Every structure is written in structure tokens, then in C-alpha cells.
C-alpha atoms as a PDB file:
ATOM      1  CA  MET A   1       5.987 -17.341  10.574  1.00  0.00           C
ATOM      2  CA  LEU A   2       3.294 -15.104  11.608  1.00  0.00           C
ATOM      3  CA  GLY A   3       1.127 -15.353   8.600  1.00  0.00           C
ATOM      4  CA  LYS A   4       1.445 -18.941   8.788  1.00  0.00           C
ATOM      5  CA  ALA A   5       0.060 -19.237  12.278  1.00  0.00           C
ATOM      6  CA  SER A   6      -2.397 -16.615  11.408  1.00  0.00           C
ATOM      7  CA  GLY A   7      -3.770 -18.671   8.357  1.00  0.00           C
ATOM      8  CA  SER A   8      -3.561 -21.935  10.570  1.00  0.00           C
ATOM      9  CA  ARG A   9      -5.689 -20.409  13.261  1.00  0.00           C
ATOM     10  CA  ARG A  10      -8.117 -19.100  10.753  1.00  0.00           C
ATOM     11  CA  GLY A  11      -9.224 -22.718   9.666  1.00  0.00           C
ATOM     12  CA  ASP A  12      -9.207 -21.740   6.096  1.00  0.00           C
ATOM     13  CA  PRO A  13      -6.839 -24.011   4.260  1.00  0.00           C
ATOM     14  CA  PRO A  14      -4.569 -23.825   2.103  1.00  0.00           C
ATOM     15  CA  ALA A  15      -1.825 -21.166   3.699  1.00  0.00           C
ATOM     16  CA  ALA A  16       1.387 -20.494   2.535  1.00  0.00           C
ATOM     17  CA  LEU A  17       4.626 -18.728   3.549  1.00  0.00           C
ATOM     18  CA  VAL A  18       5.922 -16.342   1.049  1.00  0.00           C
ATOM     19  CA  LEU A  19       9.183 -14.951   1.390  1.00  0.00           C
ATOM     20  CA  SER A  20      11.157 -12.425  -0.536  1.00  0.00           C
ATOM     21  CA  ARG A  21      14.671 -12.974  -2.195  1.00  0.00           C
ATOM     22  CA  GLN A  22      15.105  -9.195  -2.040  1.00  0.00           C
ATOM     23  CA  ASN A  23      17.600  -7.980   0.789  1.00  0.00           C
ATOM     24  CA  LEU A  24      15.032  -5.632   2.645  1.00  0.00           C
ATOM     25  CA  PRO A  25      15.532  -3.842   5.924  1.00  0.00           C
ATOM     26  CA  VAL A  26      13.884  -5.155   9.074  1.00  0.00           C
ATOM     27  CA  LEU A  27      11.877  -2.426  10.596  1.00  0.00           C
ATOM     28  CA  ASP A  28      12.496  -2.257  14.450  1.00  0.00           C
ATOM     29  CA  ARG A  29       8.804  -2.262  16.075  1.00  0.00           C
ATOM     30  CA  ASP A  30      10.522  -1.710  19.439  1.00  0.00           C
ATOM     31  CA  ASP A  31      10.758   2.062  19.258  1.00  0.00           C
ATOM     32  CA  GLY A  32       7.283   3.113  18.535  1.00  0.00           C
ATOM     33  CA  GLN A  33       7.178   4.218  15.286  1.00  0.00           C
ATOM     34  CA  TYR A  34       5.944   0.941  13.408  1.00  0.00           C
ATOM     35  CA  ALA A  35       3.366  -1.312  14.405  1.00  0.00           C
ATOM     36  CA  ALA A  36       3.451  -4.645  15.985  1.00  0.00           C
ATOM     37  CA  ALA A  37       4.201  -7.417  13.331  1.00  0.00           C
ATOM     38  CA  ARG A  38       1.168  -9.342  15.121  1.00  0.00           C
ATOM     39  CA  GLU A  39      -1.323  -7.168  13.271  1.00  0.00           C
ATOM     40  CA  ALA A  40      -0.653  -8.825   9.950  1.00  0.00           C
ATOM     41  CA  GLY A  41      -3.120 -11.295  11.346  1.00  0.00           C
ATOM     42  CA  ARG A  42      -6.141  -8.814  10.627  1.00  0.00           C
ATOM     43  CA  GLY A  43      -4.667  -8.871   6.971  1.00  0.00           C
ATOM     44  CA  GLY A  44      -4.109  -5.275   7.228  1.00  0.00           C
ATOM     45  CA  TYR A  45      -3.045  -2.829   9.535  1.00  0.00           C
ATOM     46  CA  VAL A  46      -1.687   0.933   9.731  1.00  0.00           C
ATOM     47  CA  LEU A  47       2.133   0.158  10.176  1.00  0.00           C
ATOM     48  CA  ALA A  48       3.228   3.714  10.359  1.00  0.00           C
ATOM     49  CA  GLU A  49       0.885   6.693  11.395  1.00  0.00           C
ATOM     50  CA  ALA A  50       1.517   9.994   9.421  1.00  0.00           C
ATOM     51  CA  ASP A  51       3.191  12.107  11.675  1.00  0.00           C
ATOM     52  CA  GLY A  52       5.301   9.222  13.199  1.00  0.00           C
ATOM     53  CA  ASP A  53       3.950   9.153  16.738  1.00  0.00           C
ATOM     54  CA  SER A  54       1.078   8.076  18.658  1.00  0.00           C
ATOM     55  CA  ALA A  55      -0.860  11.248  18.376  1.00  0.00           C
ATOM     56  CA  LYS A  56      -2.426   9.878  15.241  1.00  0.00           C
ATOM     57  CA  THR A  57      -2.759  13.315  13.009  1.00  0.00           C
ATOM     58  CA  ALA A  58      -5.480  12.699  10.155  1.00  0.00           C
ATOM     59  CA  PRO A  59      -3.075  11.575   7.003  1.00  0.00           C
ATOM     60  CA  ASP A  60      -3.308  13.741   3.780  1.00  0.00           C
ATOM     61  CA  VAL A  61      -2.854  10.437   1.990  1.00  0.00           C
ATOM     62  CA  ILE A  62      -2.822   6.822   2.765  1.00  0.00           C
ATOM     63  CA  LEU A  63      -0.258   4.560   1.241  1.00  0.00           C
ATOM     64  CA  VAL A  64      -1.284   0.937   0.902  1.00  0.00           C
ATOM     65  CA  ALA A  65       1.521  -1.702   0.210  1.00  0.00           C
ATOM     66  CA  THR A  66       2.276  -5.156   0.937  1.00  0.00           C
ATOM     67  CA  GLY A  67       5.429  -7.322   1.035  1.00  0.00           C
ATOM     68  CA  SER A  68       8.487  -6.013  -0.513  1.00  0.00           C
ATOM     69  CA  GLU A  69       6.756  -2.891  -1.527  1.00  0.00           C
ATOM     70  CA  VAL A  70       5.981  -1.671   1.927  1.00  0.00           C
ATOM     71  CA  GLN A  71       9.836  -0.160   1.942  1.00  0.00           C
ATOM     72  CA  THR A  72       8.669   1.777  -1.179  1.00  0.00           C
ATOM     73  CA  ALA A  73       5.685   3.237   0.463  1.00  0.00           C
ATOM     74  CA  LEU A  74       7.671   3.951   3.648  1.00  0.00           C
ATOM     75  CA  ASP A  75      10.415   5.909   1.608  1.00  0.00           C
ATOM     76  CA  ALA A  76       7.744   7.528  -0.357  1.00  0.00           C
ATOM     77  CA  ARG A  77       5.982   8.443   3.386  1.00  0.00           C
ATOM     78  CA  GLU A  78       9.571  10.286   3.818  1.00  0.00           C
ATOM     79  CA  LEU A  79       9.534  12.431   0.419  1.00  0.00           C
ATOM     80  CA  LEU A  80       6.069  13.340   1.334  1.00  0.00           C
ATOM     81  CA  ALA A  81       6.962  14.239   4.578  1.00  0.00           C
ATOM     82  CA  SER A  82       9.460  16.683   3.279  1.00  0.00           C
ATOM     83  CA  ASP A  83       7.119  18.505   1.368  1.00  0.00           C
ATOM     84  CA  GLY A  84       4.673  18.681   4.528  1.00  0.00           C
ATOM     85  CA  ILE A  85       2.422  16.120   3.267  1.00  0.00           C
ATOM     86  CA  ALA A  86       1.278  13.678   6.039  1.00  0.00           C
ATOM     87  CA  ALA A  87       1.004   9.892   4.585  1.00  0.00           C
ATOM     88  CA  ARG A  88      -0.054   7.158   6.688  1.00  0.00           C
ATOM     89  CA  VAL A  89       1.571   3.566   5.408  1.00  0.00           C
ATOM     90  CA  VAL A  90      -0.742   0.695   5.623  1.00  0.00           C
ATOM     91  CA  SER A  91       0.575  -2.793   5.248  1.00  0.00           C
ATOM     92  CA  MET A  92      -1.897  -5.288   3.567  1.00  0.00           C
ATOM     93  CA  PRO A  93      -0.524  -8.677   3.452  1.00  0.00           C
ATOM     94  CA  CYS A  94      -3.968 -10.158   2.640  1.00  0.00           C
ATOM     95  CA  ARG A  95      -7.064  -8.373   1.350  1.00  0.00           C
ATOM     96  CA  GLU A  96      -9.283 -11.335   1.812  1.00  0.00           C
ATOM     97  CA  TRP A  97      -8.389 -11.120   5.870  1.00  0.00           C
ATOM     98  CA  PHE A  98      -8.681  -7.313   5.945  1.00  0.00           C
ATOM     99  CA  ALA A  99     -11.941  -7.732   4.157  1.00  0.00           C
ATOM    100  CA  ALA A 100     -13.331  -9.895   6.934  1.00  0.00           C
ATOM    101  CA  GLN A 101     -12.605  -7.460   9.656  1.00  0.00           C
ATOM    102  CA  PRO A 102     -15.455  -5.554  10.973  1.00  0.00           C
ATOM    103  CA  ALA A 103     -16.336  -2.610   8.934  1.00  0.00           C
ATOM    104  CA  ALA A 104     -15.522  -0.393  11.984  1.00  0.00           C
ATOM    105  CA  TYR A 105     -11.761  -1.782  11.879  1.00  0.00           C
ATOM    106  CA  GLN A 106     -11.550  -1.242   8.117  1.00  0.00           C
ATOM    107  CA  ASP A 107     -12.850   2.096   8.408  1.00  0.00           C
ATOM    108  CA  GLU A 108     -10.371   2.764  11.213  1.00  0.00           C
ATOM    109  CA  VAL A 109      -7.205   1.600   8.941  1.00  0.00           C
ATOM    110  CA  LEU A 110      -8.603   3.313   6.027  1.00  0.00           C
ATOM    111  CA  PRO A 111     -10.766   6.097   6.998  1.00  0.00           C
ATOM    112  CA  PRO A 112     -13.527   6.999   4.266  1.00  0.00           C
ATOM    113  CA  ASP A 113     -13.121  10.881   4.841  1.00  0.00           C
ATOM    114  CA  VAL A 114      -9.482  10.191   3.774  1.00  0.00           C
ATOM    115  CA  ARG A 115     -10.014   9.867  -0.148  1.00  0.00           C
ATOM    116  CA  ALA A 116      -6.322  10.268  -1.123  1.00  0.00           C
ATOM    117  CA  ARG A 117      -4.664   6.837  -1.654  1.00  0.00           C
ATOM    118  CA  ALA A 118      -1.865   5.624  -3.439  1.00  0.00           C
ATOM    119  CA  ASN A 119      -1.846   1.683  -3.603  1.00  0.00           C
ATOM    120  CA  VAL A 120       1.621  -0.074  -4.557  1.00  0.00           C
ATOM    121  CA  GLU A 121       2.057  -3.315  -6.045  1.00  0.00           C
ATOM    122  CA  ALA A 122       5.065  -5.102  -7.853  1.00  0.00           C
ATOM    123  CA  ALA A 123       2.338  -6.916  -9.955  1.00  0.00           C
ATOM    124  CA  VAL A 124      -0.947  -6.327 -11.538  1.00  0.00           C
ATOM    125  CA  GLY A 125      -2.864  -4.054  -9.759  1.00  0.00           C
ATOM    126  CA  GLN A 126      -6.280  -5.585 -10.171  1.00  0.00           C
ATOM    127  CA  GLY A 127      -7.267  -6.576  -6.865  1.00  0.00           C
ATOM    128  CA  TRP A 128      -6.146  -3.153  -5.462  1.00  0.00           C
ATOM    129  CA  ARG A 129      -8.251  -1.007  -7.172  1.00  0.00           C
ATOM    130  CA  ASP A 130     -11.333  -1.412  -5.013  1.00  0.00           C
ATOM    131  CA  MET A 131      -8.990  -0.365  -2.310  1.00  0.00           C
ATOM    132  CA  ALA A 132      -7.997   2.783  -3.939  1.00  0.00           C
ATOM    133  CA  GLY A 133     -11.215   4.409  -4.056  1.00  0.00           C
ATOM    134  CA  ASP A 134     -12.299   7.160  -6.228  1.00  0.00           C
ATOM    135  CA  ALA A 135      -9.295   9.657  -6.177  1.00  0.00           C
ATOM    136  CA  GLY A 136      -6.953   6.859  -5.491  1.00  0.00           C
ATOM    137  CA  ARG A 137      -3.967   5.683  -7.685  1.00  0.00           C
ATOM    138  CA  VAL A 138      -2.614   2.093  -7.899  1.00  0.00           C
ATOM    139  CA  VAL A 139       1.268   2.400  -8.989  1.00  0.00           C
ATOM    140  CA  SER A 140       1.559  -1.430 -10.425  1.00  0.00           C
ATOM    141  CA  LEU A 141       3.139  -3.320 -13.007  1.00  0.00           C
ATOM    142  CA  GLU A 142       0.559  -4.367 -15.743  1.00  0.00           C
ATOM    143  CA  HIS A 143       2.540  -6.866 -17.622  1.00  0.00           C
ATOM    144  CA  TYR A 144       4.893 -10.103 -17.052  1.00  0.00           C
ATOM    145  CA  GLY A 145       8.371 -11.589 -18.250  1.00  0.00           C
ATOM    146  CA  ALA A 146      10.996  -8.989 -17.297  1.00  0.00           C
ATOM    147  CA  SER A 147      13.966 -10.537 -15.656  1.00  0.00           C
ATOM    148  CA  ALA A 148      16.893  -8.491 -13.764  1.00  0.00           C
ATOM    149  CA  ASN A 149      17.296  -7.700 -10.374  1.00  0.00           C
ATOM    150  CA  TYR A 150      14.500  -5.917  -8.281  1.00  0.00           C
ATOM    151  CA  GLN A 151      15.812  -2.771  -8.141  1.00  0.00           C
ATOM    152  CA  ARG A 152      16.711  -2.127 -12.037  1.00  0.00           C
ATOM    153  CA  LEU A 153      13.066  -3.824 -12.496  1.00  0.00           C
ATOM    154  CA  TYR A 154      11.492  -1.370 -10.106  1.00  0.00           C
ATOM    155  CA  THR A 155      13.004   1.758 -11.320  1.00  0.00           C
ATOM    156  CA  GLU A 156      12.511   0.482 -15.169  1.00  0.00           C
ATOM    157  CA  PHE A 157       8.797   0.147 -14.665  1.00  0.00           C
ATOM    158  CA  GLY A 158       8.041   3.034 -12.131  1.00  0.00           C
ATOM    159  CA  ILE A 159       7.579   1.099  -9.008  1.00  0.00           C
ATOM    160  CA  THR A 160       9.656   3.414  -6.910  1.00  0.00           C
ATOM    161  CA  PRO A 161       9.055   5.777  -3.716  1.00  0.00           C
ATOM    162  CA  GLU A 162       9.301   8.919  -6.551  1.00  0.00           C
ATOM    163  CA  ALA A 163       6.485   7.479  -8.450  1.00  0.00           C
ATOM    164  CA  VAL A 164       4.239   6.321  -5.335  1.00  0.00           C
ATOM    165  CA  ALA A 165       4.840   9.902  -3.660  1.00  0.00           C
ATOM    166  CA  ALA A 166       3.769  11.390  -7.455  1.00  0.00           C
ATOM    167  CA  ALA A 167       0.493   9.173  -7.333  1.00  0.00           C
ATOM    168  CA  ALA A 168      -0.041  10.445  -3.629  1.00  0.00           C
ATOM    169  CA  ARG A 169       0.273  14.011  -4.905  1.00  0.00           C
ATOM    170  CA  ASP A 170      -1.962  13.354  -7.796  1.00  0.00           C
ATOM    171  CA  SER A 171      -4.413  11.607  -5.732  1.00  0.00           C
ATOM    172  CA  ILE A 172      -4.829  14.638  -3.253  1.00  0.00           C
ATOM    173  CA  HIS A 173      -5.157  16.782  -6.202  1.00  0.00           C
ATOM    174  CA  ASP A 174      -8.108  14.615  -7.328  1.00  0.00           C
ATOM    175  CA  THR A 175      -9.691  14.584  -3.685  1.00  0.00           C
ATOM    176  CA  GLN A 176     -10.896  18.440  -4.419  1.00  0.00           C
ATOM    177  CA  ARG A 177     -12.876  17.122  -7.435  1.00  0.00           C
ATOM    178  CA  ALA A 178     -16.418  15.751  -6.809  1.00  0.00           C
ATOM    179  CA  PRO A 179     -15.963  11.892  -6.616  1.00  0.00           C
ATOM    180  CA  ARG A 180     -15.794   9.897  -9.858  1.00  0.00           C
ATOM    181  CA  PRO A 181     -18.409   7.353 -10.016  1.00  0.00           C
ATOM    182  CA  CYS A 182     -16.271   5.261 -11.736  1.00  0.00           C
ATOM    183  CA  GLY A 183     -13.561   4.960  -9.301  1.00  0.00           C
ATOM    184  CA  HIS A 184      -9.839   5.279  -9.457  1.00  0.00           C
ATOM    185  CA  GLN A 185      -7.596   6.337 -12.059  1.00  0.00           C
ATOM    186  CA  GLN A 186      -4.673   3.742 -13.097  1.00  0.00           C
ATOM    187  CA  THR A 187      -1.194   5.173 -12.734  1.00  0.00           C
ATOM    188  CA  SER A 188       0.999   2.060 -13.767  1.00  0.00           C
ATOM    189  CA  THR A 189       3.469   2.523 -16.399  1.00  0.00           C
ATOM    190  CA  PRO A 190       1.763   2.046 -19.632  1.00  0.00           C
ATOM    191  CA  THR A 191       1.972  -1.095 -21.508  1.00  0.00           C
ATOM    192  CA  SER A 192       1.180  -2.990 -24.751  1.00  0.00           C
ATOM    193  CA  SER A 193      -1.483  -4.551 -22.951  1.00  0.00           C
ATOM    194  CA  GLY A 194      -3.624  -1.317 -23.226  1.00  0.00           C
ATOM    195  CA  ASP A 195      -3.270   0.311 -20.045  1.00  0.00           C
ATOM    196  CA  ARG A 196      -3.022   3.725 -20.033  1.00  0.00           C
ATOM    197  CA  PRO A 197      -2.284   6.432 -16.871  1.00  0.00           C
END
């Protein structure tokens, strides 16, 4: 109900409450490992810091996700941590609300000096490309029409913690190069639509 309440306070109708059919874990936000859900009203917020505590270590990479893909990003964060890579997870329930925040807040959540980013979206990645930046990656599904349980589809189409972690590593590697004037590189599974990694 938080998203609905936030939308109502904004006075920007219409608002929708979108729920997942997936059986996802509920994050324990009382232990300090994850940010409070009330931050969702800002459109995007740091859900989990790179080091898992409040010391706010500068991340090596930022993982951005929304909805059910947040769990995929959290799992990728664990994979990266096992390799000594500090990954911040940003939950982005509404890009438009986030874009309406002051620039200082946006830079706090997505520091411009952290160019390594991997965005995950189990739909078309078009709206996420600007947020990925010049060295970032977008792990997304660039076509429509498959039907099966979500675990099978995510595995088949590369929306997995392993794929997000690989995209994060690629992005980190690309930060060692000069910024690309054309922005990010797509990393979704190639489809018949002509997209290529």
C-alpha cells in the first residue's frame, strides 16, 4: 500500500498498485541490513549498501532493479561479494518519481563517480538505458510472448543472479576505459528483434 499512498500524496493520478504473482521473500527491514520501505516514495533508494552495514563503503558497482527483480539483484550482490566486489543495490519502483527528486538526492543514490552499473528488468530495458550510464549494462528481456513459471523463463532468458553479476563485472571492466559518448552497452539475451550484446 506504500506505493499507492505515495502516489496519492503526489496528486499525480492515476496511481496503480501492482503486485507480483511470484512467491518472493519478504525482506526483514528491522535488522538494518535493508532500508525502510518508506523510501519507495522517492522513486528510488539504496536498499542495501555495498558492505551490508551503515558504514557506506563506496561501491565498486551499483545494481538497480525494480519489483521482483530486486531479489535477483540482491542474490547477484552476494555472488559479487564472494569475489570481493562491493555492490550496492538500488530499488527503483518508479523512475519518474526518482527523476523528480533533487539532483543531490539522485547523486547520493547513484553517485556519478560510480560508473559501473548493472540494471535488471524482466521486461524491455529501454527506460533503463539512461540510468545505466556510459559503462553500465542492462540485463533485460527484449521480446514478449513466452509462457511458463517465472523461474524457468528467467533462467531461459538470462534474468538470473549469475547474469546480473556477469554484467556487473563487465561494467566494472569498462570503467577502466574512457567514457563512451553513446552510453551503455546492452547485455540482454539476443532476440529476433535485432538486439545484440
